[in-house]
């Protein structure tokens, strides 16, 4: 475990895929085993109830039980649940539920039911911070249409509402601006396919997708990049990038689950409105995954 106790979001935290049975019910036993397997293979923790965990299509009972299952499997210090919701009051309730379950931090999107302005964003994070757990912001302007630009992140941090940010904009230049404006705000890599660039720029962690299928190689890549060992990191990054770039595609959940199936884990189906990959997409994922496995990266 690489993160200090007071910053449990540091290191490689896996945004966990959720194992669904053929009838689309959740296999909680399999999910617990998956969380334990990730930690046993070098990951520092998990992020349940993110987009990769299909939180938007879970019932409240399922969503709460997913968090409880992860905590029971690996301990609350290692679990940072997503607490996104349309309303600030609901997001705060999910943060309180995470605290009751024993989690040490939470991850929060900005309001995303509409294109929120700066005042709404500040009020949203202030409300959820009142739950008492450290909040890591999640900037995904591609999907939410709300951009947590470095200046806004610095203000959120300065007012004590956030302690880190999962950066998914893809604009690696922001790393340096964030460091200038809020040097104590932890930058976390939010998209697998800019891992090397953001690690070199000083990221303190990675909220990761592809370790669901390839944990050991992914952790090796992150550790090498974060310590500046480009001799190790760059060739490994080139080998993995055909898979890592799926994390930034619309079909990222399906792609990662297919890769899990191919390497002998259980990916399984997705819930609607997501649909399976097209045959040509699955063929691309399969070819890249099998190539990685043949290179000893699985």
C-alpha atoms as a PDB file:
ATOM      1  CA  UNK A   1       0.000   0.000   0.000  1.00  0.00           C
ATOM      2  CA  UNK A   2       1.569   3.272  -1.125  1.00  0.00           C
ATOM      3  CA  UNK A   3      -0.710   6.014   0.181  1.00  0.00           C
ATOM      4  CA  UNK A   4      -0.414   7.688   3.568  1.00  0.00           C
ATOM      5  CA  UNK A   5      -3.317   7.145   5.907  1.00  0.00           C
ATOM      6  CA  UNK A   6      -4.624  10.695   5.614  1.00  0.00           C
ATOM      7  CA  UNK A   7      -4.681  10.591   1.787  1.00  0.00           C
ATOM      8  CA  UNK A   8      -6.195   7.185   1.020  1.00  0.00           C
ATOM      9  CA  UNK A   9      -6.949   8.112  -2.592  1.00  0.00           C
ATOM     10  CA  UNK A  10      -3.269   7.996  -3.547  1.00  0.00           C
ATOM     11  CA  UNK A  11      -1.894   5.105  -5.584  1.00  0.00           C
ATOM     12  CA  UNK A  12      -3.837   2.853  -7.948  1.00  0.00           C
ATOM     13  CA  UNK A  13      -7.533   2.794  -7.098  1.00  0.00           C
ATOM     14  CA  UNK A  14      -9.560   0.663  -9.472  1.00  0.00           C
ATOM     15  CA  UNK A  15     -12.944   1.889 -10.653  1.00  0.00           C
ATOM     16  CA  UNK A  16     -14.453  -1.545 -10.308  1.00  0.00           C
ATOM     17  CA  UNK A  17     -16.576  -3.234 -12.918  1.00  0.00           C
ATOM     18  CA  UNK A  18     -19.650  -4.859 -11.399  1.00  0.00           C
ATOM     19  CA  UNK A  19     -20.245  -8.573 -12.051  1.00  0.00           C
ATOM     20  CA  UNK A  20     -23.797  -9.159 -13.230  1.00  0.00           C
ATOM     21  CA  UNK A  21     -25.363 -12.573 -13.699  1.00  0.00           C
ATOM     22  CA  UNK A  22     -27.150 -13.533 -16.896  1.00  0.00           C
ATOM     23  CA  UNK A  23     -30.404 -12.253 -15.360  1.00  0.00           C
ATOM     24  CA  UNK A  24     -28.580  -8.939 -14.677  1.00  0.00           C
ATOM     25  CA  UNK A  25     -28.698  -9.349 -10.888  1.00  0.00           C
ATOM     26  CA  UNK A  26     -25.506  -8.490  -9.000  1.00  0.00           C
ATOM     27  CA  UNK A  27     -23.210 -11.306  -7.925  1.00  0.00           C
ATOM     28  CA  UNK A  28     -21.999  -9.806  -4.639  1.00  0.00           C
ATOM     29  CA  UNK A  29     -19.803 -12.783  -3.746  1.00  0.00           C
ATOM     30  CA  UNK A  30     -18.001 -12.469  -7.041  1.00  0.00           C
ATOM     31  CA  UNK A  31     -17.657  -8.716  -6.518  1.00  0.00           C
ATOM     32  CA  UNK A  32     -16.087  -9.240  -3.088  1.00  0.00           C
ATOM     33  CA  UNK A  33     -13.643 -11.726  -4.598  1.00  0.00           C
ATOM     34  CA  UNK A  34     -12.787  -9.258  -7.361  1.00  0.00           C
ATOM     35  CA  UNK A  35     -11.985  -6.482  -4.888  1.00  0.00           C
ATOM     36  CA  UNK A  36      -9.749  -8.829  -2.892  1.00  0.00           C
ATOM     37  CA  UNK A  37      -8.057 -10.064  -6.077  1.00  0.00           C
ATOM     38  CA  UNK A  38      -7.241  -6.527  -7.197  1.00  0.00           C
ATOM     39  CA  UNK A  39      -5.558  -5.703  -3.888  1.00  0.00           C
ATOM     40  CA  UNK A  40      -3.720  -9.028  -3.903  1.00  0.00           C
ATOM     41  CA  UNK A  41      -2.377  -8.105  -7.337  1.00  0.00           C
ATOM     42  CA  UNK A  42      -0.889  -4.808  -6.211  1.00  0.00           C
ATOM     43  CA  UNK A  43      -3.731  -2.290  -6.467  1.00  0.00           C
ATOM     44  CA  UNK A  44      -4.161   0.098  -3.540  1.00  0.00           C
ATOM     45  CA  UNK A  45      -7.944   0.181  -3.386  1.00  0.00           C
ATOM     46  CA  UNK A  46     -11.217   0.353  -5.255  1.00  0.00           C
ATOM     47  CA  UNK A  47     -13.774   2.926  -6.362  1.00  0.00           C
ATOM     48  CA  UNK A  48     -17.224   1.313  -6.393  1.00  0.00           C
ATOM     49  CA  UNK A  49     -20.280   3.020  -7.872  1.00  0.00           C
ATOM     50  CA  UNK A  50     -18.458   4.899 -10.576  1.00  0.00           C
ATOM     51  CA  UNK A  51     -19.585   4.893 -14.190  1.00  0.00           C
ATOM     52  CA  UNK A  52     -17.620   1.692 -14.767  1.00  0.00           C
ATOM     53  CA  UNK A  53     -19.636   0.171 -11.929  1.00  0.00           C
ATOM     54  CA  UNK A  54     -22.869   1.173 -13.697  1.00  0.00           C
ATOM     55  CA  UNK A  55     -24.107   3.097 -10.665  1.00  0.00           C
ATOM     56  CA  UNK A  56     -26.710   4.954 -12.705  1.00  0.00           C
ATOM     57  CA  UNK A  57     -28.737   1.764 -13.226  1.00  0.00           C
ATOM     58  CA  UNK A  58     -28.545   0.407  -9.663  1.00  0.00           C
ATOM     59  CA  UNK A  59     -31.338   0.563  -7.129  1.00  0.00           C
ATOM     60  CA  UNK A  60     -30.561   2.414  -3.887  1.00  0.00           C
ATOM     61  CA  UNK A  61     -30.415  -0.934  -2.078  1.00  0.00           C
ATOM     62  CA  UNK A  62     -27.958  -2.344  -4.618  1.00  0.00           C
ATOM     63  CA  UNK A  63     -25.799   0.753  -4.548  1.00  0.00           C
ATOM     64  CA  UNK A  64     -25.491   0.670  -0.761  1.00  0.00           C
ATOM     65  CA  UNK A  65     -24.746  -3.046  -0.714  1.00  0.00           C
ATOM     66  CA  UNK A  66     -21.995  -2.670  -3.326  1.00  0.00           C
ATOM     67  CA  UNK A  67     -20.165  -0.274  -0.983  1.00  0.00           C
ATOM     68  CA  UNK A  68     -20.705  -2.520   2.026  1.00  0.00           C
ATOM     69  CA  UNK A  69     -19.426  -5.518   0.059  1.00  0.00           C
ATOM     70  CA  UNK A  70     -16.230  -3.732  -0.951  1.00  0.00           C
ATOM     71  CA  UNK A  71     -15.553  -2.577   2.614  1.00  0.00           C
ATOM     72  CA  UNK A  72     -16.124  -6.064   4.000  1.00  0.00           C
ATOM     73  CA  UNK A  73     -13.726  -7.491   1.415  1.00  0.00           C
ATOM     74  CA  UNK A  74     -10.749  -5.125   1.720  1.00  0.00           C
ATOM     75  CA  UNK A  75     -11.435  -2.620   4.514  1.00  0.00           C
ATOM     76  CA  UNK A  76     -12.878   0.873   4.370  1.00  0.00           C
ATOM     77  CA  UNK A  77      -9.540   2.678   4.127  1.00  0.00           C
ATOM     78  CA  UNK A  78      -9.136   1.213   0.646  1.00  0.00           C
ATOM     79  CA  UNK A  79     -12.655   2.065  -0.604  1.00  0.00           C
ATOM     80  CA  UNK A  80     -13.570   5.442  -2.159  1.00  0.00           C
ATOM     81  CA  UNK A  81     -17.147   5.190  -3.462  1.00  0.00           C
ATOM     82  CA  UNK A  82     -18.617   7.392  -6.113  1.00  0.00           C
ATOM     83  CA  UNK A  83     -21.445   9.430  -4.563  1.00  0.00           C
ATOM     84  CA  UNK A  84     -22.740  11.215  -7.648  1.00  0.00           C
ATOM     85  CA  UNK A  85     -26.432  12.081  -7.765  1.00  0.00           C
ATOM     86  CA  UNK A  86     -28.675  14.571  -9.523  1.00  0.00           C
ATOM     87  CA  UNK A  87     -29.368  16.440  -6.280  1.00  0.00           C
ATOM     88  CA  UNK A  88     -26.902  17.681  -3.674  1.00  0.00           C
ATOM     89  CA  UNK A  89     -29.002  16.311  -0.813  1.00  0.00           C
ATOM     90  CA  UNK A  90     -28.970  12.836  -2.342  1.00  0.00           C
ATOM     91  CA  UNK A  91     -25.233  12.992  -3.011  1.00  0.00           C
ATOM     92  CA  UNK A  92     -24.695  13.998   0.619  1.00  0.00           C
ATOM     93  CA  UNK A  93     -26.790  11.021   1.753  1.00  0.00           C
ATOM     94  CA  UNK A  94     -24.575   8.713  -0.307  1.00  0.00           C
ATOM     95  CA  UNK A  95     -21.500  10.293   1.296  1.00  0.00           C
ATOM     96  CA  UNK A  96     -23.035   9.711   4.723  1.00  0.00           C
ATOM     97  CA  UNK A  97     -23.781   6.090   3.764  1.00  0.00           C
ATOM     98  CA  UNK A  98     -20.142   5.676   2.742  1.00  0.00           C
ATOM     99  CA  UNK A  99     -19.043   6.997   6.114  1.00  0.00           C
ATOM    100  CA  UNK A 100     -21.417   4.659   7.939  1.00  0.00           C
ATOM    101  CA  UNK A 101     -20.014   1.753   5.928  1.00  0.00           C
ATOM    102  CA  UNK A 102     -16.490   2.650   7.059  1.00  0.00           C
ATOM    103  CA  UNK A 103     -15.059   4.374   3.976  1.00  0.00           C
ATOM    104  CA  UNK A 104     -12.328   6.984   4.349  1.00  0.00           C
ATOM    105  CA  UNK A 105     -13.144   9.209   1.340  1.00  0.00           C
ATOM    106  CA  UNK A 106     -15.631   9.678  -1.504  1.00  0.00           C
ATOM    107  CA  UNK A 107     -15.521  10.743  -5.146  1.00  0.00           C
ATOM    108  CA  UNK A 108     -18.033  13.299  -6.444  1.00  0.00           C
ATOM    109  CA  UNK A 109     -19.045  14.541  -9.876  1.00  0.00           C
ATOM    110  CA  UNK A 110     -20.362  18.087 -10.207  1.00  0.00           C
ATOM    111  CA  UNK A 111     -24.104  18.545 -10.696  1.00  0.00           C
ATOM    112  CA  UNK A 112     -24.943  16.876 -13.995  1.00  0.00           C
ATOM    113  CA  UNK A 113     -28.710  17.066 -14.404  1.00  0.00           C
ATOM    114  CA  UNK A 114     -28.101  20.360 -16.192  1.00  0.00           C
ATOM    115  CA  UNK A 115     -25.136  22.538 -17.142  1.00  0.00           C
ATOM    116  CA  UNK A 116     -24.446  23.997 -13.708  1.00  0.00           C
ATOM    117  CA  UNK A 117     -22.781  27.361 -13.243  1.00  0.00           C
ATOM    118  CA  UNK A 118     -19.911  28.040 -10.838  1.00  0.00           C
ATOM    119  CA  UNK A 119     -22.149  29.042  -7.942  1.00  0.00           C
ATOM    120  CA  UNK A 120     -24.125  25.810  -8.230  1.00  0.00           C
ATOM    121  CA  UNK A 121     -20.932  23.751  -8.379  1.00  0.00           C
ATOM    122  CA  UNK A 122     -19.554  25.422  -5.260  1.00  0.00           C
ATOM    123  CA  UNK A 123     -22.814  24.892  -3.375  1.00  0.00           C
ATOM    124  CA  UNK A 124     -22.953  21.239  -4.464  1.00  0.00           C
ATOM    125  CA  UNK A 125     -19.475  20.396  -3.191  1.00  0.00           C
ATOM    126  CA  UNK A 126     -20.007  22.405  -0.006  1.00  0.00           C
ATOM    127  CA  UNK A 127     -23.150  20.413   0.767  1.00  0.00           C
ATOM    128  CA  UNK A 128     -21.536  17.005   0.248  1.00  0.00           C
ATOM    129  CA  UNK A 129     -18.426  18.025   2.202  1.00  0.00           C
ATOM    130  CA  UNK A 130     -20.695  18.541   5.208  1.00  0.00           C
ATOM    131  CA  UNK A 131     -21.041  14.768   5.422  1.00  0.00           C
ATOM    132  CA  UNK A 132     -17.579  14.827   6.973  1.00  0.00           C
ATOM    133  CA  UNK A 133     -15.571  12.636   4.601  1.00  0.00           C
ATOM    134  CA  UNK A 134     -12.780  14.002   2.392  1.00  0.00           C
ATOM    135  CA  UNK A 135     -14.100  14.580  -1.124  1.00  0.00           C
ATOM    136  CA  UNK A 136     -12.209  13.907  -4.347  1.00  0.00           C
ATOM    137  CA  UNK A 137     -13.788  15.794  -7.231  1.00  0.00           C
ATOM    138  CA  UNK A 138     -14.321  14.067 -10.555  1.00  0.00           C
ATOM    139  CA  UNK A 139     -13.933  16.271 -13.605  1.00  0.00           C
ATOM    140  CA  UNK A 140     -15.553  14.707 -16.672  1.00  0.00           C
ATOM    141  CA  UNK A 141     -16.680  17.607 -18.854  1.00  0.00           C
ATOM    142  CA  UNK A 142     -17.162  15.291 -21.815  1.00  0.00           C
ATOM    143  CA  UNK A 143     -20.106  13.534 -20.177  1.00  0.00           C
ATOM    144  CA  UNK A 144     -21.348  16.051 -17.601  1.00  0.00           C
ATOM    145  CA  UNK A 145     -20.962  19.261 -19.675  1.00  0.00           C
ATOM    146  CA  UNK A 146     -19.666  20.895 -16.480  1.00  0.00           C
ATOM    147  CA  UNK A 147     -15.943  21.631 -16.578  1.00  0.00           C
ATOM    148  CA  UNK A 148     -14.019  21.872 -13.320  1.00  0.00           C
ATOM    149  CA  UNK A 149     -11.296  24.102 -14.736  1.00  0.00           C
ATOM    150  CA  UNK A 150      -8.140  24.631 -12.685  1.00  0.00           C
ATOM    151  CA  UNK A 151      -9.319  27.992 -11.352  1.00  0.00           C
ATOM    152  CA  UNK A 152     -12.571  26.471 -10.082  1.00  0.00           C
ATOM    153  CA  UNK A 153     -10.751  23.490  -8.588  1.00  0.00           C
ATOM    154  CA  UNK A 154      -8.430  25.865  -6.758  1.00  0.00           C
ATOM    155  CA  UNK A 155     -11.413  27.697  -5.311  1.00  0.00           C
ATOM    156  CA  UNK A 156     -13.109  24.455  -4.256  1.00  0.00           C
ATOM    157  CA  UNK A 157      -9.896  23.355  -2.585  1.00  0.00           C
ATOM    158  CA  UNK A 158      -9.263  26.729  -0.998  1.00  0.00           C
ATOM    159  CA  UNK A 159     -12.695  26.649   0.619  1.00  0.00           C
ATOM    160  CA  UNK A 160     -12.015  23.168   1.983  1.00  0.00           C
ATOM    161  CA  UNK A 161     -14.583  21.318  -0.119  1.00  0.00           C
ATOM    162  CA  UNK A 162     -12.211  18.971  -1.994  1.00  0.00           C
ATOM    163  CA  UNK A 163      -8.836  17.350  -1.385  1.00  0.00           C
ATOM    164  CA  UNK A 164      -8.140  15.817  -4.789  1.00  0.00           C
ATOM    165  CA  UNK A 165      -9.453  15.642  -8.330  1.00  0.00           C
ATOM    166  CA  UNK A 166      -9.848  12.795 -10.766  1.00  0.00           C
ATOM    167  CA  UNK A 167      -9.010  14.565 -14.033  1.00  0.00           C
ATOM    168  CA  UNK A 168     -10.707  13.100 -17.124  1.00  0.00           C
ATOM    169  CA  UNK A 169     -10.645  16.077 -19.499  1.00  0.00           C
ATOM    170  CA  UNK A 170      -7.697  14.618 -21.407  1.00  0.00           C
ATOM    171  CA  UNK A 171      -5.948  17.996 -21.328  1.00  0.00           C
ATOM    172  CA  UNK A 172      -2.650  17.139 -19.680  1.00  0.00           C
ATOM    173  CA  UNK A 173      -1.628  20.814 -19.639  1.00  0.00           C
ATOM    174  CA  UNK A 174      -4.043  21.315 -16.771  1.00  0.00           C
ATOM    175  CA  UNK A 175      -1.802  19.333 -14.435  1.00  0.00           C
ATOM    176  CA  UNK A 176       0.708  22.166 -14.324  1.00  0.00           C
ATOM    177  CA  UNK A 177      -1.910  24.887 -13.888  1.00  0.00           C
ATOM    178  CA  UNK A 178      -3.567  22.969 -11.040  1.00  0.00           C
ATOM    179  CA  UNK A 179      -0.179  22.551  -9.346  1.00  0.00           C
ATOM    180  CA  UNK A 180       0.444  26.299  -9.598  1.00  0.00           C
ATOM    181  CA  UNK A 181      -2.978  27.349  -8.293  1.00  0.00           C
ATOM    182  CA  UNK A 182      -3.526  24.638  -5.668  1.00  0.00           C
ATOM    183  CA  UNK A 183      -0.253  22.855  -4.886  1.00  0.00           C
ATOM    184  CA  UNK A 184      -1.812  20.821  -2.057  1.00  0.00           C
ATOM    185  CA  UNK A 185      -4.648  19.497  -4.250  1.00  0.00           C
ATOM    186  CA  UNK A 186      -3.894  15.913  -5.273  1.00  0.00           C
ATOM    187  CA  UNK A 187      -4.197  15.287  -8.995  1.00  0.00           C
ATOM    188  CA  UNK A 188      -5.425  11.793  -9.857  1.00  0.00           C
ATOM    189  CA  UNK A 189      -5.215  10.349 -13.355  1.00  0.00           C
ATOM    190  CA  UNK A 190      -8.773   9.932 -14.576  1.00  0.00           C
ATOM    191  CA  UNK A 191      -8.361   8.473 -18.058  1.00  0.00           C
ATOM    192  CA  UNK A 192      -6.223   5.410 -18.683  1.00  0.00           C
ATOM    193  CA  UNK A 193      -4.897   6.660 -22.022  1.00  0.00           C
ATOM    194  CA  UNK A 194      -3.142   9.731 -20.556  1.00  0.00           C
ATOM    195  CA  UNK A 195      -1.609   7.847 -17.648  1.00  0.00           C
ATOM    196  CA  UNK A 196       2.019   8.368 -18.605  1.00  0.00           C
ATOM    197  CA  UNK A 197       1.619  12.057 -19.354  1.00  0.00           C
ATOM    198  CA  UNK A 198      -0.180  12.859 -16.091  1.00  0.00           C
ATOM    199  CA  UNK A 199       2.088  10.651 -13.974  1.00  0.00           C
ATOM    200  CA  UNK A 200       5.138  12.475 -15.318  1.00  0.00           C
ATOM    201  CA  UNK A 201       3.343  15.766 -14.565  1.00  0.00           C
ATOM    202  CA  UNK A 202       3.108  14.823 -10.892  1.00  0.00           C
ATOM    203  CA  UNK A 203      -0.171  12.943 -10.412  1.00  0.00           C
ATOM    204  CA  UNK A 204      -0.479  11.333  -6.992  1.00  0.00           C
ATOM    205  CA  UNK A 205      -2.747   8.476  -8.035  1.00  0.00           C
ATOM    206  CA  UNK A 206      -4.790   6.809 -10.743  1.00  0.00           C
ATOM    207  CA  UNK A 207      -8.508   6.041 -10.679  1.00  0.00           C
ATOM    208  CA  UNK A 208      -8.115   3.238 -13.148  1.00  0.00           C
ATOM    209  CA  UNK A 209     -10.209   1.112 -15.463  1.00  0.00           C
ATOM    210  CA  UNK A 210      -8.015  -1.508 -17.116  1.00  0.00           C
ATOM    211  CA  UNK A 211      -6.540  -2.990 -13.929  1.00  0.00           C
ATOM    212  CA  UNK A 212      -9.900  -4.783 -13.734  1.00  0.00           C
ATOM    213  CA  UNK A 213      -8.417  -7.081 -16.369  1.00  0.00           C
ATOM    214  CA  UNK A 214      -4.652  -6.482 -16.176  1.00  0.00           C
ATOM    215  CA  UNK A 215      -3.780  -5.402 -12.636  1.00  0.00           C
ATOM    216  CA  UNK A 216      -0.135  -6.395 -12.373  1.00  0.00           C
ATOM    217  CA  UNK A 217       0.961  -4.836 -15.663  1.00  0.00           C
ATOM    218  CA  UNK A 218      -1.111  -1.725 -14.962  1.00  0.00           C
ATOM    219  CA  UNK A 219       0.382  -1.258 -11.509  1.00  0.00           C
ATOM    220  CA  UNK A 220       3.887  -1.789 -12.879  1.00  0.00           C
ATOM    221  CA  UNK A 221       3.207   0.866 -15.500  1.00  0.00           C
ATOM    222  CA  UNK A 222       1.891   3.374 -12.968  1.00  0.00           C
ATOM    223  CA  UNK A 223       4.720   2.831 -10.486  1.00  0.00           C
ATOM    224  CA  UNK A 224       7.352   3.215 -13.199  1.00  0.00           C
ATOM    225  CA  UNK A 225       5.735   6.343 -14.644  1.00  0.00           C
ATOM    226  CA  UNK A 226       5.212   7.942 -11.236  1.00  0.00           C
ATOM    227  CA  UNK A 227       8.874   7.436 -10.287  1.00  0.00           C
ATOM    228  CA  UNK A 228      10.173   8.693 -13.630  1.00  0.00           C
ATOM    229  CA  UNK A 229      11.403   5.287 -14.800  1.00  0.00           C
ATOM    230  CA  UNK A 230      10.608   5.900 -18.450  1.00  0.00           C
ATOM    231  CA  UNK A 231      12.852   3.046 -19.572  1.00  0.00           C
ATOM    232  CA  UNK A 232      10.274   0.701 -18.044  1.00  0.00           C
ATOM    233  CA  UNK A 233       7.162   2.816 -18.464  1.00  0.00           C
ATOM    234  CA  UNK A 234       7.309   3.901 -22.090  1.00  0.00           C
ATOM    235  CA  UNK A 235       7.506   0.499 -23.802  1.00  0.00           C
ATOM    236  CA  UNK A 236       4.873  -0.888 -21.417  1.00  0.00           C
ATOM    237  CA  UNK A 237       2.612   2.095 -22.125  1.00  0.00           C
ATOM    238  CA  UNK A 238       2.962   1.526 -25.875  1.00  0.00           C
ATOM    239  CA  UNK A 239       2.061  -2.139 -25.433  1.00  0.00           C
ATOM    240  CA  UNK A 240      -1.015  -1.393 -23.320  1.00  0.00           C
ATOM    241  CA  UNK A 241      -2.264   1.733 -25.074  1.00  0.00           C
ATOM    242  CA  UNK A 242      -4.475  -0.096 -27.614  1.00  0.00           C
ATOM    243  CA  UNK A 243      -6.466  -1.252 -24.575  1.00  0.00           C
ATOM    244  CA  UNK A 244      -6.073   1.807 -22.356  1.00  0.00           C
ATOM    245  CA  UNK A 245      -7.656   4.066 -24.984  1.00  0.00           C
ATOM    246  CA  UNK A 246     -10.937   2.150 -24.654  1.00  0.00           C
ATOM    247  CA  UNK A 247     -11.313   3.781 -21.229  1.00  0.00           C
ATOM    248  CA  UNK A 248     -12.059   7.066 -23.009  1.00  0.00           C
ATOM    249  CA  UNK A 249     -14.610   5.590 -25.416  1.00  0.00           C
ATOM    250  CA  UNK A 250     -18.379   5.452 -24.951  1.00  0.00           C
ATOM    251  CA  UNK A 251     -18.193   1.648 -24.786  1.00  0.00           C
ATOM    252  CA  UNK A 252     -15.555   1.524 -22.040  1.00  0.00           C
ATOM    253  CA  UNK A 253     -17.640  -0.597 -19.649  1.00  0.00           C
ATOM    254  CA  UNK A 254     -18.338  -3.254 -22.269  1.00  0.00           C
ATOM    255  CA  UNK A 255     -14.736  -3.253 -23.516  1.00  0.00           C
ATOM    256  CA  UNK A 256     -13.204  -3.714 -20.081  1.00  0.00           C
ATOM    257  CA  UNK A 257     -15.679  -6.486 -19.250  1.00  0.00           C
ATOM    258  CA  UNK A 258     -14.811  -8.268 -22.511  1.00  0.00           C
ATOM    259  CA  UNK A 259     -11.101  -8.032 -21.671  1.00  0.00           C
ATOM    260  CA  UNK A 260     -11.830  -9.475 -18.232  1.00  0.00           C
ATOM    261  CA  UNK A 261     -13.601 -12.427 -19.798  1.00  0.00           C
ATOM    262  CA  UNK A 262     -10.734 -13.029 -22.223  1.00  0.00           C
ATOM    263  CA  UNK A 263      -8.035 -13.124 -19.528  1.00  0.00           C
ATOM    264  CA  UNK A 264     -10.010 -15.553 -17.395  1.00  0.00           C
ATOM    265  CA  UNK A 265     -11.742 -13.158 -15.022  1.00  0.00           C
ATOM    266  CA  UNK A 266     -15.502 -12.616 -15.058  1.00  0.00           C
ATOM    267  CA  UNK A 267     -16.677  -9.523 -16.884  1.00  0.00           C
ATOM    268  CA  UNK A 268     -20.193 -10.571 -17.756  1.00  0.00           C
ATOM    269  CA  UNK A 269     -23.058  -8.557 -19.227  1.00  0.00           C
ATOM    270  CA  UNK A 270     -24.067  -4.910 -18.816  1.00  0.00           C
ATOM    271  CA  UNK A 271     -27.401  -3.429 -17.865  1.00  0.00           C
ATOM    272  CA  UNK A 272     -29.502  -1.437 -20.326  1.00  0.00           C
ATOM    273  CA  UNK A 273     -29.390   1.081 -21.808  1.00  0.00           C
ATOM    274  CA  UNK A 274     -25.876  -0.177 -22.493  1.00  0.00           C
ATOM    275  CA  UNK A 275     -25.752  -2.908 -25.135  1.00  0.00           C
ATOM    276  CA  UNK A 276     -22.994  -5.381 -26.054  1.00  0.00           C
ATOM    277  CA  UNK A 277     -20.147  -4.307 -28.300  1.00  0.00           C
ATOM    278  CA  UNK A 278     -20.589  -4.576 -32.033  1.00  0.00           C
ATOM    279  CA  UNK A 279     -18.798  -7.616 -33.499  1.00  0.00           C
ATOM    280  CA  UNK A 280     -16.048  -5.451 -35.008  1.00  0.00           C
ATOM    281  CA  UNK A 281     -15.533  -3.647 -31.685  1.00  0.00           C
ATOM    282  CA  UNK A 282     -15.340  -6.912 -29.769  1.00  0.00           C
ATOM    283  CA  UNK A 283     -12.827  -8.206 -32.316  1.00  0.00           C
ATOM    284  CA  UNK A 284     -10.619  -5.155 -31.723  1.00  0.00           C
ATOM    285  CA  UNK A 285     -10.766  -5.580 -27.946  1.00  0.00           C
ATOM    286  CA  UNK A 286     -10.147  -9.311 -28.231  1.00  0.00           C
ATOM    287  CA  UNK A 287      -7.119  -8.873 -30.497  1.00  0.00           C
ATOM    288  CA  UNK A 288      -5.543  -6.232 -28.250  1.00  0.00           C
ATOM    289  CA  UNK A 289      -6.235  -8.236 -25.083  1.00  0.00           C
ATOM    290  CA  UNK A 290      -4.867 -11.471 -26.528  1.00  0.00           C
ATOM    291  CA  UNK A 291      -1.756  -9.630 -27.731  1.00  0.00           C
ATOM    292  CA  UNK A 292      -1.211  -8.231 -24.223  1.00  0.00           C
ATOM    293  CA  UNK A 293      -1.741 -11.668 -22.696  1.00  0.00           C
ATOM    294  CA  UNK A 294       0.721 -13.232 -25.154  1.00  0.00           C
ATOM    295  CA  UNK A 295       3.283 -10.627 -24.072  1.00  0.00           C
ATOM    296  CA  UNK A 296       2.850 -11.759 -20.463  1.00  0.00           C
ATOM    297  CA  UNK A 297       0.911  -8.692 -19.362  1.00  0.00           C
ATOM    298  CA  UNK A 298      -2.231 -10.503 -18.193  1.00  0.00           C
END
